[in-house]
């Protein structure tokens, strides 16, 4: 599994699908595992969630500066 590609897929889904965004906010583990289609060990899924949140925050920050 290409984790980097999956993280980008999750970021895109959060940004473009309001239902998924809501699920990600309320149950990030369930949302990520549902999208990946596999049960991921907790330590790994937490790292994926943290990375997705960081990418979304950076994208929002970049938007403030016209990037």
N, C-alpha and C. Protein backbone atom coordinates (compact mmCIF):
# COMPACT_ATOMS: atom_id res chain seq x y z
N UNK A 1 0.85 -1.17 0.00
CA UNK A 1 0.00 0.00 0.00
C UNK A 1 0.90 1.24 0.00
N UNK A 2 0.64 2.16 -0.90
CA UNK A 2 1.36 3.42 -0.98
C UNK A 2 0.73 4.41 -0.01
N UNK A 3 1.32 4.53 1.17
CA UNK A 3 0.74 5.36 2.23
C UNK A 3 0.64 6.82 1.80
N UNK A 4 1.67 7.31 1.13
CA UNK A 4 1.66 8.72 0.70
C UNK A 4 0.48 8.99 -0.24
N UNK A 5 0.24 8.09 -1.16
CA UNK A 5 -0.89 8.25 -2.09
C UNK A 5 -2.21 8.16 -1.34
N UNK A 6 -2.30 7.27 -0.38
CA UNK A 6 -3.54 7.13 0.40
C UNK A 6 -3.80 8.38 1.24
N UNK A 7 -2.73 8.96 1.80
CA UNK A 7 -2.89 10.19 2.58
C UNK A 7 -3.42 11.29 1.67
N UNK A 8 -2.85 11.42 0.48
CA UNK A 8 -3.33 12.43 -0.46
C UNK A 8 -4.79 12.17 -0.86
N UNK A 9 -5.16 10.91 -1.01
CA UNK A 9 -6.54 10.55 -1.33
C UNK A 9 -7.48 10.96 -0.20
N UNK A 10 -7.07 10.72 1.03
CA UNK A 10 -7.89 11.09 2.18
C UNK A 10 -8.03 12.60 2.28
N UNK A 11 -6.93 13.33 2.07
CA UNK A 11 -6.96 14.80 2.11
C UNK A 11 -7.94 15.32 1.06
N UNK A 12 -7.86 14.80 -0.16
CA UNK A 12 -8.77 15.23 -1.23
C UNK A 12 -10.22 14.92 -0.86
N UNK A 13 -10.44 13.76 -0.28
CA UNK A 13 -11.80 13.36 0.09
C UNK A 13 -12.35 14.28 1.18
N UNK A 14 -11.53 14.61 2.17
CA UNK A 14 -11.97 15.51 3.24
C UNK A 14 -12.32 16.88 2.67
N UNK A 15 -11.50 17.36 1.74
CA UNK A 15 -11.70 18.70 1.18
C UNK A 15 -12.90 18.77 0.24
N UNK A 16 -13.24 17.67 -0.42
CA UNK A 16 -14.24 17.72 -1.48
C UNK A 16 -15.54 16.99 -1.18
N UNK A 17 -15.61 16.26 -0.08
CA UNK A 17 -16.80 15.49 0.26
C UNK A 17 -17.24 15.87 1.68
N UNK A 18 -18.28 16.69 1.77
CA UNK A 18 -18.73 17.21 3.07
C UNK A 18 -19.16 16.09 4.02
N UNK A 19 -19.77 15.03 3.50
CA UNK A 19 -20.17 13.91 4.35
C UNK A 19 -18.94 13.22 4.94
N UNK A 20 -17.93 13.00 4.09
CA UNK A 20 -16.71 12.37 4.58
C UNK A 20 -15.98 13.28 5.56
N UNK A 21 -15.98 14.59 5.28
CA UNK A 21 -15.35 15.55 6.18
C UNK A 21 -16.00 15.47 7.57
N UNK A 22 -17.31 15.39 7.60
CA UNK A 22 -18.03 15.29 8.86
C UNK A 22 -17.67 14.01 9.60
N UNK A 23 -17.62 12.91 8.86
CA UNK A 23 -17.26 11.62 9.47
C UNK A 23 -15.81 11.65 9.97
N UNK A 24 -14.91 12.26 9.19
CA UNK A 24 -13.52 12.35 9.59
C UNK A 24 -13.38 13.16 10.88
N UNK A 25 -14.17 14.21 11.02
CA UNK A 25 -14.12 15.03 12.23
C UNK A 25 -14.67 14.28 13.44
N UNK A 26 -15.73 13.50 13.24
CA UNK A 26 -16.36 12.82 14.37
C UNK A 26 -15.73 11.46 14.69
N UNK A 27 -15.23 10.76 13.67
CA UNK A 27 -14.65 9.43 13.86
C UNK A 27 -13.51 9.23 12.85
N UNK A 28 -12.38 9.88 13.08
CA UNK A 28 -11.31 9.81 12.08
C UNK A 28 -10.79 8.40 11.83
N UNK A 29 -10.71 7.58 12.87
CA UNK A 29 -10.22 6.21 12.68
C UNK A 29 -11.18 5.43 11.78
N UNK A 30 -12.46 5.50 12.06
CA UNK A 30 -13.45 4.80 11.25
C UNK A 30 -13.48 5.31 9.82
N UNK A 31 -13.35 6.63 9.65
CA UNK A 31 -13.36 7.21 8.31
C UNK A 31 -12.17 6.74 7.50
N UNK A 32 -10.99 6.77 8.11
CA UNK A 32 -9.78 6.36 7.40
C UNK A 32 -9.81 4.87 7.07
N UNK A 33 -10.16 4.06 8.07
CA UNK A 33 -10.22 2.62 7.82
C UNK A 33 -11.28 2.26 6.80
N UNK A 34 -12.41 2.98 6.82
CA UNK A 34 -13.47 2.73 5.83
C UNK A 34 -13.01 3.06 4.43
N UNK A 35 -12.28 4.15 4.29
CA UNK A 35 -11.79 4.55 2.97
C UNK A 35 -10.69 3.60 2.49
N UNK A 36 -9.82 3.18 3.40
CA UNK A 36 -8.74 2.28 3.02
C UNK A 36 -9.24 0.86 2.77
N UNK A 37 -10.33 0.52 3.44
CA UNK A 37 -10.90 -0.82 3.26
C UNK A 37 -10.20 -1.90 4.07
N UNK A 38 -9.34 -1.49 4.99
CA UNK A 38 -8.64 -2.46 5.83
C UNK A 38 -8.55 -1.92 7.25
N UNK A 39 -8.37 -2.85 8.19
CA UNK A 39 -8.16 -2.48 9.59
C UNK A 39 -6.67 -2.19 9.74
N UNK A 40 -6.34 -0.97 10.12
CA UNK A 40 -4.95 -0.54 10.25
C UNK A 40 -4.60 -0.50 11.74
N UNK A 41 -3.40 -0.96 12.12
CA UNK A 41 -3.02 -0.86 13.53
C UNK A 41 -3.15 0.57 14.04
N UNK A 42 -3.58 0.72 15.29
CA UNK A 42 -3.89 2.03 15.87
C UNK A 42 -2.75 3.02 15.75
N UNK A 43 -1.51 2.60 15.99
CA UNK A 43 -0.40 3.55 15.92
C UNK A 43 -0.21 4.07 14.51
N UNK A 44 -0.43 3.22 13.51
CA UNK A 44 -0.28 3.64 12.12
C UNK A 44 -1.43 4.54 11.68
N UNK A 45 -2.65 4.20 12.07
CA UNK A 45 -3.79 5.01 11.67
C UNK A 45 -3.72 6.39 12.32
N UNK A 46 -3.21 6.47 13.53
CA UNK A 46 -3.06 7.77 14.20
C UNK A 46 -2.05 8.64 13.46
N UNK A 47 -0.96 8.03 12.97
CA UNK A 47 0.03 8.78 12.19
C UNK A 47 -0.58 9.29 10.88
N UNK A 48 -1.40 8.46 10.24
CA UNK A 48 -2.07 8.86 9.00
C UNK A 48 -3.01 10.03 9.28
N UNK A 49 -3.79 9.93 10.35
CA UNK A 49 -4.74 10.99 10.72
C UNK A 49 -4.00 12.30 11.01
N UNK A 50 -2.91 12.21 11.77
CA UNK A 50 -2.13 13.41 12.09
C UNK A 50 -1.57 14.05 10.82
N UNK A 51 -1.11 13.23 9.89
CA UNK A 51 -0.55 13.74 8.63
C UNK A 51 -1.64 14.40 7.79
N UNK A 52 -2.81 13.79 7.72
CA UNK A 52 -3.94 14.36 6.97
C UNK A 52 -4.32 15.71 7.57
N UNK A 53 -4.44 15.78 8.88
CA UNK A 53 -4.80 17.04 9.54
C UNK A 53 -3.75 18.11 9.27
N UNK A 54 -2.48 17.74 9.30
CA UNK A 54 -1.40 18.70 9.04
C UNK A 54 -1.45 19.20 7.61
N UNK A 55 -1.69 18.30 6.65
CA UNK A 55 -1.77 18.71 5.24
C UNK A 55 -2.95 19.65 5.01
N UNK A 56 -4.07 19.37 5.62
CA UNK A 56 -5.25 20.22 5.47
C UNK A 56 -4.97 21.60 6.07
N UNK A 57 -4.34 21.63 7.23
CA UNK A 57 -4.00 22.91 7.86
C UNK A 57 -3.02 23.71 7.01
N UNK A 58 -2.03 23.04 6.43
CA UNK A 58 -1.07 23.73 5.57
C UNK A 58 -1.74 24.27 4.32
N UNK A 59 -2.66 23.49 3.75
CA UNK A 59 -3.37 23.95 2.56
C UNK A 59 -4.20 25.19 2.88
N UNK A 60 -4.85 25.21 4.04
CA UNK A 60 -5.64 26.37 4.44
C UNK A 60 -4.74 27.57 4.67
N UNK A 61 -3.60 27.35 5.30
CA UNK A 61 -2.64 28.42 5.55
C UNK A 61 -2.10 28.96 4.24
N UNK A 62 -1.78 28.09 3.29
CA UNK A 62 -1.31 28.51 1.98
C UNK A 62 -2.35 29.34 1.26
N UNK A 63 -3.62 29.00 1.43
CA UNK A 63 -4.70 29.77 0.80
C UNK A 63 -4.79 31.18 1.34
N UNK A 64 -4.42 31.35 2.59
CA UNK A 64 -4.44 32.70 3.18
C UNK A 64 -3.39 33.60 2.56
N UNK A 65 -2.33 32.99 2.05
CA UNK A 65 -1.24 33.75 1.46
C UNK A 65 -1.26 33.70 -0.06
N UNK A 66 -2.37 33.27 -0.63
CA UNK A 66 -2.54 33.28 -2.08
C UNK A 66 -1.79 32.21 -2.82
N UNK A 67 -1.49 31.11 -2.16
CA UNK A 67 -0.78 30.01 -2.82
C UNK A 67 -1.74 29.03 -3.39
